C-alpha atoms as a PDB file:
ATOM      1  CA  MET A   1     -18.672 -67.532  10.421  1.00  0.00           C
ATOM      2  CA  THR A   2     -17.293 -65.410   7.567  1.00  0.00           C
ATOM      3  CA  GLN A   3     -14.100 -66.708   5.989  1.00  0.00           C
ATOM      4  CA  PHE A   4     -11.570 -64.149   4.774  1.00  0.00           C
ATOM      5  CA  PRO A   5      -8.952 -64.804   2.090  1.00  0.00           C
ATOM      6  CA  SER A   6      -5.737 -66.234   3.521  1.00  0.00           C
ATOM      7  CA  ARG A   7      -3.818 -62.973   2.959  1.00  0.00           C
ATOM      8  CA  TYR A   8      -6.139 -61.205   5.477  1.00  0.00           C
ATOM      9  CA  ARG A   9      -5.810 -64.040   8.019  1.00  0.00           C
ATOM     10  CA  CYS A  10      -2.061 -63.704   7.685  1.00  0.00           C
ATOM     11  CA  LEU A  11      -2.320 -59.944   8.297  1.00  0.00           C
ATOM     12  CA  SER A  12      -4.474 -60.500  11.415  1.00  0.00           C
ATOM     13  CA  VAL A  13      -1.981 -62.990  12.805  1.00  0.00           C
ATOM     14  CA  ALA A  14       0.842 -60.557  12.083  1.00  0.00           C
ATOM     15  CA  MET A  15      -0.950 -57.689  13.840  1.00  0.00           C
ATOM     16  CA  LEU A  16      -1.691 -59.884  16.867  1.00  0.00           C
ATOM     17  CA  GLY A  17       1.914 -61.069  16.963  1.00  0.00           C
ATOM     18  CA  VAL A  18       3.265 -57.518  16.837  1.00  0.00           C
ATOM     19  CA  ALA A  19       0.963 -56.451  19.651  1.00  0.00           C
ATOM     20  CA  ILE A  20       2.067 -59.365  21.852  1.00  0.00           C
ATOM     21  CA  MET A  21       5.762 -59.515  20.987  1.00  0.00           C
ATOM     22  CA  THR A  22       7.189 -56.610  19.084  1.00  0.00           C
ATOM     23  CA  THR A  23      10.391 -58.450  18.315  1.00  0.00           C
ATOM     24  CA  ALA A  24       8.760 -61.693  17.107  1.00  0.00           C
ATOM     25  CA  SER A  25       9.242 -62.770  13.534  1.00  0.00           C
ATOM     26  CA  LEU A  26       6.199 -64.187  11.795  1.00  0.00           C
ATOM     27  CA  THR A  27       6.644 -66.992   9.299  1.00  0.00           C
ATOM     28  CA  GLY A  28       4.419 -69.676   7.884  1.00  0.00           C
ATOM     29  CA  CYS A  29       1.304 -67.609   7.339  1.00  0.00           C
ATOM     30  CA  ASN A  30      -0.101 -70.371   5.148  1.00  0.00           C
ATOM     31  CA  ASN A  31      -1.572 -72.084   8.216  1.00  0.00           C
ATOM     32  CA  THR A  32      -5.310 -71.418   8.237  1.00  0.00           C
ATOM     33  CA  SER A  33      -6.145 -73.014  11.593  1.00  0.00           C
ATOM     34  CA  PRO A  34      -7.501 -70.645  14.282  1.00  0.00           C
ATOM     35  CA  ALA A  35      -4.774 -69.038  16.417  1.00  0.00           C
ATOM     36  CA  VAL A  36      -7.038 -68.650  19.444  1.00  0.00           C
ATOM     37  CA  ASP A  37      -9.359 -70.921  21.358  1.00  0.00           C
ATOM     38  CA  ASN A  38     -12.954 -70.372  20.226  1.00  0.00           C
ATOM     39  CA  LYS A  39     -13.971 -69.841  23.872  1.00  0.00           C
ATOM     40  CA  LEU A  40     -11.687 -66.830  24.174  1.00  0.00           C
ATOM     41  CA  SER A  41     -13.180 -63.474  23.228  1.00  0.00           C
ATOM     42  CA  LEU A  42     -10.695 -60.777  22.256  1.00  0.00           C
ATOM     43  CA  PRO A  43     -11.678 -57.093  22.272  1.00  0.00           C
ATOM     44  CA  SER A  44     -11.953 -55.495  18.867  1.00  0.00           C
ATOM     45  CA  ILE A  45      -9.688 -52.563  18.086  1.00  0.00           C
ATOM     46  CA  ASP A  46     -11.056 -49.670  16.061  1.00  0.00           C
ATOM     47  CA  MET A  47      -7.971 -48.537  14.136  1.00  0.00           C
ATOM     48  CA  THR A  48      -9.796 -45.454  12.836  1.00  0.00           C
ATOM     49  CA  LYS A  49      -9.750 -43.975  16.358  1.00  0.00           C
ATOM     50  CA  ALA A  50      -6.113 -44.802  17.130  1.00  0.00           C
ATOM     51  CA  THR A  51      -4.131 -41.582  17.441  1.00  0.00           C
ATOM     52  CA  THR A  52      -0.490 -40.847  17.896  1.00  0.00           C
ATOM     53  CA  LEU A  53       0.249 -37.800  20.022  1.00  0.00           C
ATOM     54  CA  SER A  54       2.457 -35.143  18.551  1.00  0.00           C
ATOM     55  CA  PRO A  55       5.713 -34.678  20.493  1.00  0.00           C
ATOM     56  CA  ALA A  56       4.447 -31.223  21.538  1.00  0.00           C
ATOM     57  CA  VAL A  57       1.298 -32.663  23.158  1.00  0.00           C
ATOM     58  CA  ALA A  58       3.238 -35.481  24.799  1.00  0.00           C
ATOM     59  CA  THR A  59       5.645 -33.000  26.456  1.00  0.00           C
ATOM     60  CA  VAL A  60       3.000 -30.750  28.017  1.00  0.00           C
ATOM     61  CA  ILE A  61       0.751 -33.411  29.573  1.00  0.00           C
ATOM     62  CA  GLY A  62       0.753 -33.139  33.349  1.00  0.00           C
ATOM     63  CA  ASP A  63      -0.316 -31.024  36.306  1.00  0.00           C
ATOM     64  CA  TYR A  64       0.863 -27.449  36.900  1.00  0.00           C
ATOM     65  CA  ALA A  65       0.341 -25.218  39.939  1.00  0.00           C
ATOM     66  CA  SER A  66       0.781 -21.574  40.919  1.00  0.00           C
ATOM     67  CA  ALA A  67       3.467 -20.528  43.412  1.00  0.00           C
ATOM     68  CA  GLY A  68       1.088 -20.750  46.398  1.00  0.00           C
ATOM     69  CA  TYR A  69       0.775 -24.523  45.953  1.00  0.00           C
ATOM     70  CA  ALA A  70       4.123 -25.113  47.709  1.00  0.00           C
ATOM     71  CA  GLN A  71       2.755 -23.337  50.807  1.00  0.00           C
ATOM     72  CA  ARG A  72      -0.719 -24.886  50.735  1.00  0.00           C
ATOM     73  CA  ALA A  73      -0.185 -26.403  54.199  1.00  0.00           C
ATOM     74  CA  GLN A  74       0.222 -22.869  55.566  1.00  0.00           C
ATOM     75  CA  GLY A  75      -3.125 -21.849  54.057  1.00  0.00           C
ATOM     76  CA  ASN A  76      -1.899 -20.077  50.896  1.00  0.00           C
ATOM     77  CA  ASP A  77      -4.279 -19.847  47.948  1.00  0.00           C
ATOM     78  CA  TRP A  78      -3.254 -21.635  44.773  1.00  0.00           C
ATOM     79  CA  VAL A  79      -4.547 -22.558  41.331  1.00  0.00           C
ATOM     80  CA  ALA A  80      -3.793 -25.803  39.481  1.00  0.00           C
ATOM     81  CA  VAL A  81      -3.955 -26.520  35.747  1.00  0.00           C
ATOM     82  CA  MET A  82      -4.311 -30.131  34.653  1.00  0.00           C
ATOM     83  CA  ILE A  83      -3.390 -30.875  31.042  1.00  0.00           C
ATOM     84  CA  SER A  84      -4.350 -34.093  29.252  1.00  0.00           C
ATOM     85  CA  ALA A  85      -4.260 -35.179  25.610  1.00  0.00           C
ATOM     86  CA  ASN A  86      -7.315 -34.720  23.401  1.00  0.00           C
ATOM     87  CA  GLY A  87      -6.103 -36.107  20.096  1.00  0.00           C
ATOM     88  CA  ALA A  88      -2.858 -35.719  18.224  1.00  0.00           C
ATOM     89  CA  GLU A  89      -2.636 -31.913  18.421  1.00  0.00           C
ATOM     90  CA  GLN A  90      -5.187 -30.878  21.052  1.00  0.00           C
ATOM     91  CA  ILE A  91      -5.199 -30.782  24.837  1.00  0.00           C
ATOM     92  CA  ASN A  92      -7.859 -30.686  27.539  1.00  0.00           C
ATOM     93  CA  ILE A  93      -7.449 -27.932  30.130  1.00  0.00           C
ATOM     94  CA  LYS A  94      -8.899 -28.249  33.604  1.00  0.00           C
ATOM     95  CA  VAL A  95      -8.294 -25.366  36.047  1.00  0.00           C
ATOM     96  CA  ARG A  96      -9.138 -25.732  39.725  1.00  0.00           C
ATOM     97  CA  ALA A  97      -8.280 -23.768  42.852  1.00  0.00           C
ATOM     98  CA  ARG A  98      -7.854 -25.032  46.393  1.00  0.00           C
ATOM     99  CA  SER A  99     -11.031 -26.430  47.864  1.00  0.00           C
ATOM    100  CA  ASP A 100      -9.856 -27.795  51.201  1.00  0.00           C
ATOM    101  CA  VAL A 101     -10.247 -24.619  53.268  1.00  0.00           C
ATOM    102  CA  LYS A 102     -12.830 -22.661  51.307  1.00  0.00           C
ATOM    103  CA  LYS A 103     -14.919 -22.752  48.153  1.00  0.00           C
ATOM    104  CA  PRO A 104     -12.690 -22.929  45.026  1.00  0.00           C
ATOM    105  CA  THR A 105     -11.932 -19.489  43.592  1.00  0.00           C
ATOM    106  CA  CYS A 106     -11.193 -20.553  39.988  1.00  0.00           C
ATOM    107  CA  THR A 107     -12.827 -23.149  37.737  1.00  0.00           C
ATOM    108  CA  PHE A 108     -12.367 -23.597  33.989  1.00  0.00           C
ATOM    109  CA  ASP A 109     -12.703 -26.520  31.554  1.00  0.00           C
ATOM    110  CA  GLY A 110     -11.699 -26.244  27.903  1.00  0.00           C
ATOM    111  CA  GLN A 111      -9.701 -27.538  24.968  1.00  0.00           C
ATOM    112  CA  ALA A 112      -6.825 -25.924  23.099  1.00  0.00           C
ATOM    113  CA  THR A 113      -5.193 -26.569  19.742  1.00  0.00           C
ATOM    114  CA  LEU A 114      -1.473 -26.625  19.003  1.00  0.00           C
ATOM    115  CA  MET A 115      -0.339 -23.418  17.268  1.00  0.00           C
ATOM    116  CA  GLY A 116       3.352 -24.169  17.007  1.00  0.00           C
ATOM    117  CA  GLN A 117       6.641 -24.896  18.684  1.00  0.00           C
ATOM    118  CA  ASP A 118      10.153 -23.488  18.526  1.00  0.00           C
ATOM    119  CA  ASN A 119      13.183 -23.097  20.798  1.00  0.00           C
ATOM    120  CA  ALA A 120      12.550 -19.417  21.537  1.00  0.00           C
ATOM    121  CA  HIS A 121       8.871 -19.667  22.528  1.00  0.00           C
ATOM    122  CA  GLY A 122       8.403 -23.308  23.551  1.00  0.00           C
ATOM    123  CA  VAL A 123       5.069 -24.937  22.728  1.00  0.00           C
ATOM    124  CA  ILE A 124       2.050 -22.670  22.171  1.00  0.00           C
ATOM    125  CA  PHE A 125      -1.596 -23.755  22.310  1.00  0.00           C
ATOM    126  CA  GLU A 126      -4.600 -21.528  21.591  1.00  0.00           C
ATOM    127  CA  THR A 127      -8.236 -21.563  22.656  1.00  0.00           C
ATOM    128  CA  THR A 128     -11.077 -19.076  23.012  1.00  0.00           C
ATOM    129  CA  ALA A 129     -12.651 -18.177  26.336  1.00  0.00           C
ATOM    130  CA  ASN A 130     -15.087 -15.410  27.119  1.00  0.00           C
ATOM    131  CA  ASP A 131     -14.840 -14.150  23.492  1.00  0.00           C
ATOM    132  CA  SER A 132     -11.064 -13.704  23.752  1.00  0.00           C
ATOM    133  CA  LYS A 133      -8.129 -15.662  22.348  1.00  0.00           C
ATOM    134  CA  VAL A 134      -6.269 -17.446  25.125  1.00  0.00           C
ATOM    135  CA  PHE A 135      -2.672 -18.636  24.792  1.00  0.00           C
ATOM    136  CA  LEU A 136      -0.974 -21.389  26.775  1.00  0.00           C
ATOM    137  CA  GLN A 137       2.806 -21.254  26.483  1.00  0.00           C
ATOM    138  CA  PHE A 138       4.782 -24.256  27.726  1.00  0.00           C
ATOM    139  CA  LYS A 139       8.517 -23.726  28.035  1.00  0.00           C
ATOM    140  CA  GLY A 140      10.576 -26.149  30.084  1.00  0.00           C
ATOM    141  CA  ASP A 141       8.579 -26.919  33.229  1.00  0.00           C
ATOM    142  CA  LYS A 142       6.704 -23.603  33.130  1.00  0.00           C
ATOM    143  CA  LEU A 143       3.205 -22.863  31.807  1.00  0.00           C
ATOM    144  CA  THR A 144       2.177 -19.273  31.147  1.00  0.00           C
ATOM    145  CA  ILE A 145      -1.479 -18.477  30.453  1.00  0.00           C
ATOM    146  CA  ASP A 146      -2.423 -15.146  28.871  1.00  0.00           C
ATOM    147  CA  SER A 147      -5.213 -13.713  26.730  1.00  0.00           C
ATOM    148  CA  GLU A 148      -5.840 -10.913  24.268  1.00  0.00           C
ATOM    149  CA  GLY A 149      -8.633  -9.554  26.472  1.00  0.00           C
ATOM    150  CA  LYS A 150      -7.204  -7.905  29.589  1.00  0.00           C
ATOM    151  CA  TYR A 151      -9.934  -9.217  31.923  1.00  0.00           C
ATOM    152  CA  ALA A 152     -11.295 -12.152  29.880  1.00  0.00           C
ATOM    153  CA  LEU A 153      -9.945 -14.792  32.245  1.00  0.00           C
ATOM    154  CA  ASN A 154     -11.171 -13.042  35.407  1.00  0.00           C
ATOM    155  CA  TYR A 155     -14.621 -14.391  34.548  1.00  0.00           C
ATOM    156  CA  TYR A 156     -13.593 -17.894  35.674  1.00  0.00           C
ATOM    157  CA  CYS A 157     -12.405 -16.782  39.118  1.00  0.00           C
ATOM    158  CA  SER A 158     -14.069 -15.057  42.043  1.00  0.00           C
ATOM    159  CA  GLY A 159     -12.705 -12.378  44.343  1.00  0.00           C
ATOM    160  CA  GLY A 160     -10.777 -10.531  41.631  1.00  0.00           C
ATOM    161  CA  GLY A 161      -8.650 -13.558  40.699  1.00  0.00           C
ATOM    162  CA  SER A 162      -7.645 -14.601  37.205  1.00  0.00           C
ATOM    163  CA  ILE A 163      -6.339 -17.677  35.440  1.00  0.00           C
ATOM    164  CA  VAL A 164      -3.683 -15.478  33.784  1.00  0.00           C
ATOM    165  CA  GLY A 165      -0.251 -16.212  35.195  1.00  0.00           C
ATOM    166  CA  ASP A 166       2.641 -18.620  35.560  1.00  0.00           C
ATOM    167  CA  TYR A 167       2.394 -22.219  36.710  1.00  0.00           C
ATOM    168  CA  GLN A 168       5.140 -24.719  37.558  1.00  0.00           C
ATOM    169  CA  LYS A 169       4.902 -28.334  36.376  1.00  0.00           C
ATOM    170  CA  LEU A 170       4.496 -30.764  39.278  1.00  0.00           C
ATOM    171  CA  VAL A 171       6.391 -34.026  39.583  1.00  0.00           C
ATOM    172  CA  GLY A 172       3.202 -35.947  40.447  1.00  0.00           C
ATOM    173  CA  LYS A 173      -0.513 -35.284  40.455  1.00  0.00           C
ATOM    174  CA  VAL A 174      -1.971 -32.170  42.068  1.00  0.00           C
ATOM    175  CA  GLU A 175      -3.660 -32.655  45.442  1.00  0.00           C
ATOM    176  CA  LEU A 176      -6.902 -30.716  45.148  1.00  0.00           C
ATOM    177  CA  ASN A 177      -7.899 -31.156  48.793  1.00  0.00           C
END
């Protein structure tokens, strides 16, 4: 087993202590005896992949739905947009339409990068789809999707539909069926 200088053992104990009890105070790092039973295997943590989400990404994560979602029980068509984090300043976008009554009319999967945020415009993300810039604007509990190309987002929907439009943030997860 490789032995590390005592200053690194002290650092490892400190990191473990912080992870277990954030308010604990570590003293006496001169003790070089093992802190864990040799039979216990702890998962390794790759600190190079640890990411902190920007406040903008953290605020927009969630599920959004078009106006028809509220009347889905009456048979109305609707489109849902599910947003998840993809790093500190990127999001994953997953668009799905109702699939309980008929074949889904809209399907899209992509990623977008944070462009900026201010009080007037909210949080803006940008991606490219069908050779056109696409903008996702999050303001309050509303998501607006638009693109530079007038019909670029029709490609992802059938029957003349489009992903372009307004979506309301849901309190819970979207029910796709």
